[in-house]
N, C-alpha and C. Protein backbone atom coordinates (compact mmCIF):
# COMPACT_ATOMS: atom_id res chain seq x y z
N MET A 1 120.11 209.36 84.85
CA MET A 1 121.31 209.28 85.48
C MET A 1 122.28 208.73 84.82
N GLN A 2 123.43 209.30 85.10
CA GLN A 2 124.59 208.91 84.30
C GLN A 2 125.10 207.81 85.15
N ILE A 3 125.59 206.76 84.35
CA ILE A 3 126.21 205.51 85.18
C ILE A 3 127.93 205.78 85.37
N PRO A 4 128.25 205.75 86.54
CA PRO A 4 129.49 206.02 86.97
C PRO A 4 130.42 205.11 86.47
N THR A 5 131.74 205.45 85.90
CA THR A 5 132.76 204.50 85.43
C THR A 5 134.18 204.77 86.06
N THR A 6 135.00 203.76 85.92
CA THR A 6 136.26 203.72 86.23
C THR A 6 137.14 203.43 85.16
N ALA A 7 136.99 203.61 83.95
CA ALA A 7 137.66 203.09 82.82
C ALA A 7 138.74 204.24 82.61
N SER A 8 139.80 203.55 81.95
CA SER A 8 141.05 204.33 81.41
C SER A 8 140.48 205.24 80.48
N PRO A 9 141.11 206.41 80.18
CA PRO A 9 140.67 207.33 79.01
C PRO A 9 140.68 206.58 77.64
N GLN A 10 141.69 205.56 77.54
CA GLN A 10 142.16 204.95 76.40
C GLN A 10 141.20 204.22 75.90
N GLN A 11 140.44 203.16 76.57
CA GLN A 11 139.32 202.39 76.45
C GLN A 11 138.16 202.38 77.37
N PRO A 12 136.90 202.76 76.64
CA PRO A 12 135.79 202.95 77.59
C PRO A 12 135.39 201.75 78.29
N PRO A 13 134.77 201.60 79.25
CA PRO A 13 134.36 200.30 79.94
C PRO A 13 133.34 199.51 79.04
N SER A 14 133.36 198.34 79.05
CA SER A 14 132.29 197.76 78.34
C SER A 14 130.78 197.90 79.15
N PRO A 15 129.61 197.80 78.20
CA PRO A 15 128.59 197.74 78.99
C PRO A 15 128.19 196.94 80.28
N SER A 16 128.89 195.69 80.26
CA SER A 16 128.72 195.06 81.41
C SER A 16 129.42 195.53 82.51
N HIS A 17 130.55 196.35 82.49
CA HIS A 17 131.36 196.74 83.45
C HIS A 17 130.26 198.13 83.71
N GLN A 18 129.94 198.76 82.99
CA GLN A 18 128.85 199.89 83.32
C GLN A 18 127.89 199.68 84.32
N ILE A 19 127.55 198.49 83.88
CA ILE A 19 126.18 198.00 84.50
C ILE A 19 126.71 197.88 85.91
N ASP A 20 127.94 196.91 86.04
CA ASP A 20 128.45 196.39 87.55
C ASP A 20 128.68 197.76 88.33
N ALA A 21 129.16 198.80 87.82
CA ALA A 21 129.25 200.05 88.31
C ALA A 21 128.27 200.91 88.92
N HIS A 22 127.07 200.72 88.13
CA HIS A 22 125.90 201.19 88.38
C HIS A 22 125.31 200.48 89.53
N ILE A 23 125.24 199.41 89.50
CA ILE A 23 124.77 198.29 90.78
C ILE A 23 125.46 198.76 92.09
N GLN A 24 126.95 198.87 91.93
CA GLN A 24 127.68 199.28 93.21
C GLN A 24 127.33 200.60 93.58
N HIS A 25 127.13 201.70 92.52
CA HIS A 25 127.09 203.14 93.16
C HIS A 25 125.55 203.04 93.62
N LEU A 26 124.64 202.38 93.33
CA LEU A 26 123.42 202.62 93.84
C LEU A 26 123.31 202.18 95.41
N ASN A 27 124.20 200.95 95.88
CA ASN A 27 124.37 200.66 97.30
C ASN A 27 123.17 200.61 97.81
N ASP A 28 122.12 200.14 97.44
CA ASP A 28 121.03 200.01 98.58
C ASP A 28 120.03 198.83 97.73
N TRP A 29 118.68 198.88 98.45
CA TRP A 29 117.82 197.80 97.89
C TRP A 29 117.63 197.89 96.19
N ARG A 30 117.64 199.06 95.63
CA ARG A 30 117.56 199.20 94.15
C ARG A 30 118.68 198.23 93.32
N GLY A 31 120.02 198.39 93.94
CA GLY A 31 121.27 197.79 93.41
C GLY A 31 120.93 196.31 93.45
N GLU A 32 120.47 195.89 94.63
CA GLU A 32 120.18 194.61 94.91
C GLU A 32 119.22 194.13 93.92
N ALA A 33 118.11 194.54 93.67
CA ALA A 33 117.07 194.39 92.77
C ALA A 33 117.47 194.22 91.63
N LEU A 34 118.23 195.29 91.03
CA LEU A 34 118.83 195.29 89.70
C LEU A 34 119.77 193.95 89.23
N ALA A 35 120.58 193.91 90.32
CA ALA A 35 121.49 192.65 90.44
C ALA A 35 120.78 191.37 90.28
N ARG A 36 119.59 191.10 91.03
CA ARG A 36 118.88 189.85 91.07
C ARG A 36 118.19 189.72 89.67
N VAL A 37 117.56 190.72 88.98
CA VAL A 37 116.97 190.78 87.72
C VAL A 37 117.94 190.43 86.61
N ARG A 38 119.22 191.11 86.94
CA ARG A 38 120.20 190.66 85.75
C ARG A 38 120.63 189.35 85.72
N ALA A 39 120.63 188.63 86.87
CA ALA A 39 121.08 187.38 87.01
C ALA A 39 120.00 186.38 86.39
N LEU A 40 118.87 186.59 86.83
CA LEU A 40 117.51 186.00 86.25
C LEU A 40 117.79 186.22 84.64
N ILE A 41 118.13 187.27 84.28
CA ILE A 41 117.98 187.43 82.84
C ILE A 41 119.03 186.73 82.15
N ARG A 42 120.25 186.45 82.85
CA ARG A 42 121.27 185.82 82.35
C ARG A 42 121.20 184.25 82.30
N GLN A 43 120.37 184.01 83.15
CA GLN A 43 119.88 182.37 83.46
C GLN A 43 118.93 182.00 82.30
N ALA A 44 117.95 182.92 82.14
CA ALA A 44 117.06 182.52 81.02
C ALA A 44 117.60 182.73 79.54
N VAL A 45 118.48 183.79 79.27
CA VAL A 45 119.19 183.81 78.11
C VAL A 45 120.55 184.19 78.41
N PRO A 46 121.30 182.67 78.36
CA PRO A 46 122.80 182.92 78.63
C PRO A 46 123.62 183.80 77.45
N ASP A 47 123.14 184.03 76.44
CA ASP A 47 123.93 184.89 75.37
C ASP A 47 123.44 186.25 75.28
N VAL A 48 122.50 186.50 76.18
CA VAL A 48 122.01 187.93 76.19
C VAL A 48 123.16 188.98 76.10
N VAL A 49 122.79 189.99 75.39
CA VAL A 49 123.94 191.25 75.15
C VAL A 49 123.38 192.33 76.09
N GLU A 50 124.37 192.84 76.64
CA GLU A 50 124.11 193.96 77.66
C GLU A 50 124.56 195.21 76.91
N ALA A 51 123.68 196.21 77.11
CA ALA A 51 123.95 197.41 76.71
C ALA A 51 123.54 198.69 77.58
N VAL A 52 124.30 199.83 77.42
CA VAL A 52 123.90 201.00 78.28
C VAL A 52 123.46 202.18 77.23
N LYS A 53 122.15 202.44 77.35
CA LYS A 53 121.60 203.38 76.42
C LYS A 53 120.83 204.46 77.25
N TRP A 54 120.45 205.41 76.64
CA TRP A 54 119.76 206.53 76.93
C TRP A 54 120.13 206.95 78.38
N ARG A 55 121.19 207.78 78.40
CA ARG A 55 121.90 208.20 79.47
C ARG A 55 122.14 207.47 80.54
N GLY A 56 122.54 206.08 80.40
CA GLY A 56 122.90 205.12 81.37
C GLY A 56 122.13 204.15 81.75
N VAL A 57 121.09 203.90 81.13
CA VAL A 57 120.19 202.81 81.24
C VAL A 57 120.64 201.51 81.03
N PRO A 58 120.64 200.49 81.78
CA PRO A 58 121.06 199.17 81.51
C PRO A 58 119.79 198.43 80.46
N VAL A 59 120.37 198.00 79.59
CA VAL A 59 119.54 197.26 78.27
C VAL A 59 119.86 195.76 78.11
N TRP A 60 119.07 195.01 78.04
CA TRP A 60 119.42 193.73 77.46
C TRP A 60 118.66 193.11 76.44
N GLU A 61 119.43 192.70 75.57
CA GLU A 61 119.24 192.47 74.21
C GLU A 61 119.32 191.11 73.44
N LYS A 62 118.47 190.56 72.69
CA LYS A 62 118.76 189.28 71.99
C LYS A 62 117.71 189.53 70.85
N ALA A 63 118.19 189.83 69.60
CA ALA A 63 117.51 189.97 68.44
C ALA A 63 116.71 191.41 68.48
N GLY A 64 116.99 192.33 69.41
CA GLY A 64 116.11 193.13 70.03
C GLY A 64 116.19 193.49 71.42
N ILE A 65 115.55 194.40 71.75
CA ILE A 65 115.64 194.58 73.26
C ILE A 65 114.66 193.71 73.81
N LEU A 66 115.08 193.02 75.00
CA LEU A 66 114.21 192.39 75.76
C LEU A 66 113.49 193.26 76.82
N CYS A 67 114.25 194.01 77.56
CA CYS A 67 113.69 194.84 78.54
C CYS A 67 115.04 195.78 78.87
N THR A 68 114.51 196.98 79.57
CA THR A 68 115.38 197.93 80.21
C THR A 68 115.36 197.84 81.72
N GLY A 69 116.46 198.20 82.59
CA GLY A 69 116.24 198.45 83.72
C GLY A 69 116.53 199.65 84.51
N GLU A 70 115.39 200.53 84.48
CA GLU A 70 115.70 202.09 84.83
C GLU A 70 115.56 201.92 86.46
N THR A 71 116.32 202.84 87.14
CA THR A 71 116.42 202.82 88.60
C THR A 71 115.90 204.42 89.07
N TYR A 72 114.97 204.45 89.92
CA TYR A 72 114.53 205.74 90.20
C TYR A 72 114.49 205.74 91.81
N LYS A 73 114.27 206.73 92.53
CA LYS A 73 114.23 206.99 93.97
C LYS A 73 113.42 205.73 94.71
N SER A 74 112.24 205.60 94.31
CA SER A 74 111.36 204.59 94.84
C SER A 74 111.24 203.35 94.04
N VAL A 75 111.48 203.31 92.78
CA VAL A 75 111.23 202.06 91.99
C VAL A 75 112.32 201.62 91.31
N VAL A 76 112.21 200.29 91.03
CA VAL A 76 113.19 199.61 89.63
C VAL A 76 112.11 199.37 88.71
N LYS A 77 112.32 199.70 87.63
CA LYS A 77 111.17 199.84 86.72
C LYS A 77 111.78 198.91 85.45
N LEU A 78 111.44 197.80 85.13
CA LEU A 78 111.93 196.88 83.89
C LEU A 78 110.71 196.96 82.81
N THR A 79 111.28 197.78 81.87
CA THR A 79 110.18 198.06 80.57
C THR A 79 110.45 196.93 79.37
N PHE A 80 109.38 196.36 79.11
CA PHE A 80 109.53 195.55 77.81
C PHE A 80 108.88 196.20 76.93
N PRO A 81 109.59 196.54 75.72
CA PRO A 81 109.05 197.37 74.61
C PRO A 81 108.08 197.01 74.01
N LYS A 82 108.03 195.37 73.80
CA LYS A 82 107.14 194.60 73.07
C LYS A 82 105.93 193.73 74.23
N GLY A 83 106.04 194.17 75.27
CA GLY A 83 105.24 193.54 76.60
C GLY A 83 103.96 193.29 76.31
N ALA A 84 103.24 194.09 75.68
CA ALA A 84 101.72 193.82 75.30
C ALA A 84 101.48 192.83 74.43
N ALA A 85 102.61 192.22 73.78
CA ALA A 85 102.46 191.14 72.86
C ALA A 85 102.99 189.88 73.50
N LEU A 86 103.23 189.99 74.81
CA LEU A 86 103.64 188.50 75.72
C LEU A 86 102.48 188.17 76.68
N ASP A 87 102.44 186.90 76.73
CA ASP A 87 101.55 186.40 77.76
C ASP A 87 102.32 186.55 78.98
N ASP A 88 101.30 186.93 79.99
CA ASP A 88 101.68 187.24 81.29
C ASP A 88 100.74 186.45 82.33
N PRO A 89 100.71 185.14 82.37
CA PRO A 89 99.92 184.46 83.22
C PRO A 89 100.14 184.68 84.49
N SER A 90 101.19 185.13 85.07
CA SER A 90 101.62 185.39 86.49
C SER A 90 101.10 186.80 86.95
N ARG A 91 100.88 187.57 85.93
CA ARG A 91 100.47 189.05 86.32
C ARG A 91 101.81 189.91 86.64
N LEU A 92 102.82 189.61 86.33
CA LEU A 92 104.09 190.48 86.66
C LEU A 92 103.96 191.86 86.25
N PHE A 93 103.35 192.13 85.16
CA PHE A 93 103.24 193.20 84.34
C PHE A 93 102.23 194.27 85.50
N ASN A 94 102.79 195.23 85.88
CA ASN A 94 101.89 196.18 86.95
C ASN A 94 102.08 197.67 86.56
N ALA A 95 102.66 198.00 85.55
CA ALA A 95 102.96 199.56 85.19
C ALA A 95 103.00 199.52 83.48
N SER A 96 102.67 200.82 83.08
CA SER A 96 102.56 200.96 81.53
C SER A 96 101.35 199.99 80.96
N LEU A 97 100.44 199.54 81.72
CA LEU A 97 99.41 199.06 81.14
C LEU A 97 98.43 199.57 80.22
N GLU A 98 98.46 200.83 80.13
CA GLU A 98 97.61 201.43 78.96
C GLU A 98 98.02 201.55 77.99
N GLY A 99 99.18 201.39 77.61
CA GLY A 99 99.87 201.53 76.22
C GLY A 99 99.37 200.26 75.22
N ASN A 100 99.70 200.55 74.02
CA ASN A 100 99.47 199.47 72.97
C ASN A 100 100.50 198.39 72.87
N VAL A 101 101.49 198.79 73.16
CA VAL A 101 102.87 198.06 72.69
C VAL A 101 103.81 197.74 74.03
N ARG A 102 103.95 198.60 75.05
CA ARG A 102 105.10 198.41 76.13
C ARG A 102 104.43 197.88 77.45
N ARG A 103 104.97 197.52 78.00
CA ARG A 103 104.68 197.01 79.54
C ARG A 103 105.85 197.07 80.41
N ALA A 104 105.39 197.22 81.67
CA ALA A 104 106.66 197.30 82.65
C ALA A 104 106.34 196.64 83.96
N ILE A 105 107.35 196.15 84.68
CA ILE A 105 107.25 195.83 85.87
C ILE A 105 108.05 196.74 87.10
N ASP A 106 107.11 197.04 87.85
CA ASP A 106 107.69 198.26 89.06
C ASP A 106 108.04 197.35 90.00
N ILE A 107 109.33 197.44 90.62
CA ILE A 107 109.68 196.72 91.92
C ILE A 107 110.05 197.85 92.90
N HIS A 108 109.27 197.59 93.89
CA HIS A 108 109.38 198.61 94.98
C HIS A 108 110.04 197.89 96.32
N GLU A 109 110.53 198.66 97.16
CA GLU A 109 111.60 198.25 98.12
C GLU A 109 110.75 197.20 99.10
N GLY A 110 111.42 195.86 99.30
CA GLY A 110 110.73 194.92 99.95
C GLY A 110 109.94 194.17 99.23
N GLU A 111 109.68 194.25 98.01
CA GLU A 111 108.86 193.57 97.19
C GLU A 111 109.67 192.18 96.50
N ALA A 112 108.89 191.21 96.45
CA ALA A 112 109.83 190.00 95.83
C ALA A 112 109.28 190.00 94.37
N LEU A 113 110.11 189.48 93.24
CA LEU A 113 109.77 189.15 91.84
C LEU A 113 109.78 187.60 91.99
N ASP A 114 108.79 187.12 91.24
CA ASP A 114 108.71 185.78 91.04
C ASP A 114 109.81 185.46 89.94
N GLY A 115 110.86 184.87 90.25
CA GLY A 115 111.83 184.53 89.65
C GLY A 115 111.61 183.52 88.26
N GLU A 116 110.82 182.44 88.38
CA GLU A 116 110.64 181.81 87.39
C GLU A 116 109.70 182.35 86.39
N ALA A 117 108.68 182.98 86.80
CA ALA A 117 107.67 183.66 86.11
C ALA A 117 108.51 184.87 85.19
N PHE A 118 109.43 185.44 86.04
CA PHE A 118 110.13 186.70 85.11
C PHE A 118 111.03 185.95 84.07
N LYS A 119 111.55 184.80 84.40
CA LYS A 119 112.48 184.32 83.37
C LYS A 119 111.65 183.58 82.23
N ALA A 120 110.41 183.46 82.38
CA ALA A 120 109.39 182.97 81.35
C ALA A 120 109.26 183.96 80.38
N LEU A 121 109.02 185.30 81.08
CA LEU A 121 108.68 186.64 80.18
C LEU A 121 109.78 186.88 79.41
N ILE A 122 110.98 186.81 79.81
CA ILE A 122 112.45 187.00 79.12
C ILE A 122 112.53 186.15 78.24
N LEU A 123 112.06 184.84 78.18
CA LEU A 123 112.36 184.04 77.30
C LEU A 123 111.16 184.23 76.04
N ALA A 124 110.18 184.72 76.54
CA ALA A 124 109.15 184.82 75.35
C ALA A 124 109.21 186.00 74.97
N ALA A 125 109.94 187.18 75.50
CA ALA A 125 110.23 188.33 74.78
C ALA A 125 111.41 187.96 73.75
N ALA A 126 112.48 187.04 73.98
CA ALA A 126 113.56 186.49 73.15
C ALA A 126 113.02 186.01 72.01
N ALA A 127 111.97 184.88 72.23
CA ALA A 127 111.21 184.42 71.15
C ALA A 127 110.28 185.41 70.16
N LEU A 128 109.82 186.28 70.86
CA LEU A 128 109.27 187.41 69.86
C LEU A 128 109.98 187.99 69.16
N ASN A 129 111.35 188.41 69.55
CA ASN A 129 112.00 189.19 68.86
C ASN A 129 112.50 188.45 67.82
N ALA A 130 113.08 187.03 68.08
CA ALA A 130 113.61 186.05 67.28
C ALA A 130 112.46 185.95 65.86
N SER A 131 111.25 185.68 66.22
CA SER A 131 110.18 185.47 65.17
C SER A 131 110.22 187.04 64.42
N SER A 132 110.20 188.25 65.26
CA SER A 132 110.07 189.33 64.11
C SER A 132 111.30 189.56 63.19
N THR A 133 112.37 188.84 63.38
CA THR A 133 113.63 189.11 62.64
C THR A 133 113.77 188.11 61.68
N THR A 134 112.91 186.91 61.67
CA THR A 134 112.90 185.89 60.80
C THR A 134 111.88 186.10 59.84
N LYS A 135 110.79 187.05 59.91
CA LYS A 135 109.67 187.33 59.01
C LYS A 135 110.27 187.62 57.61
N ARG A 136 109.71 187.35 56.72
CA ARG A 136 110.15 187.88 55.19
C ARG A 136 109.64 188.97 55.18
N PRO A 137 110.37 189.90 54.33
CA PRO A 137 110.01 191.42 54.12
C PRO A 137 108.69 191.34 53.34
N LYS A 138 107.74 192.31 53.38
CA LYS A 138 106.73 192.26 52.34
C LYS A 138 107.17 192.27 50.71
N SER A 139 106.58 191.64 49.84
CA SER A 139 106.93 191.71 48.55
C SER A 139 106.60 193.14 48.12
N ALA A 140 107.45 193.65 47.24
CA ALA A 140 107.21 195.04 46.72
C ALA A 140 105.91 194.69 45.64
N PRO A 141 105.16 195.97 45.64
CA PRO A 141 104.05 195.98 44.88
C PRO A 141 104.32 195.75 43.31
N ALA A 142 103.48 195.09 42.67
CA ALA A 142 103.94 194.69 41.09
C ALA A 142 103.98 196.06 40.35
N ARG A 143 104.73 196.10 39.31
CA ARG A 143 105.05 197.29 38.66
C ARG A 143 104.17 196.98 37.47
N THR A 144 103.46 198.00 36.92
CA THR A 144 102.73 197.83 35.65
C THR A 144 103.84 198.48 34.46
N GLY A 145 103.77 197.99 33.17
CA GLY A 145 104.48 198.10 32.18
C GLY A 145 104.17 199.61 31.75
N ALA A 146 105.42 200.38 31.37
CA ALA A 146 105.23 201.61 30.82
C ALA A 146 105.64 201.94 29.43
């Protein structure tokens, strides 16, 4: 789904404005759920970077992607690209459980999301991304003389 925009032709809208427009365009429970998730992400990681990728999908990043916020007719899907590596004691992950790397949270109409548990997942994702970027590269194999 393409996110609607209202920017002038000279300057494209920022990703944050594109996400604002997307939430307004939804104009239903999905927009409310996405707005709540966005607020929780910003509370957990105040310097999070917002982006819009893959034909309009809101993305939240900090040293890599934390999660994406896809909206479908009957679900808001929050996908964590490295979710399988995160502890989830509150068992928020309820989708994409069969994969080796990714995990997702599907929110359906009328469902509540545990805000504190979600913020803990976001913080864990940010910490995982930070640890991945601070690892030293593997040393090159030793060269033999010729």
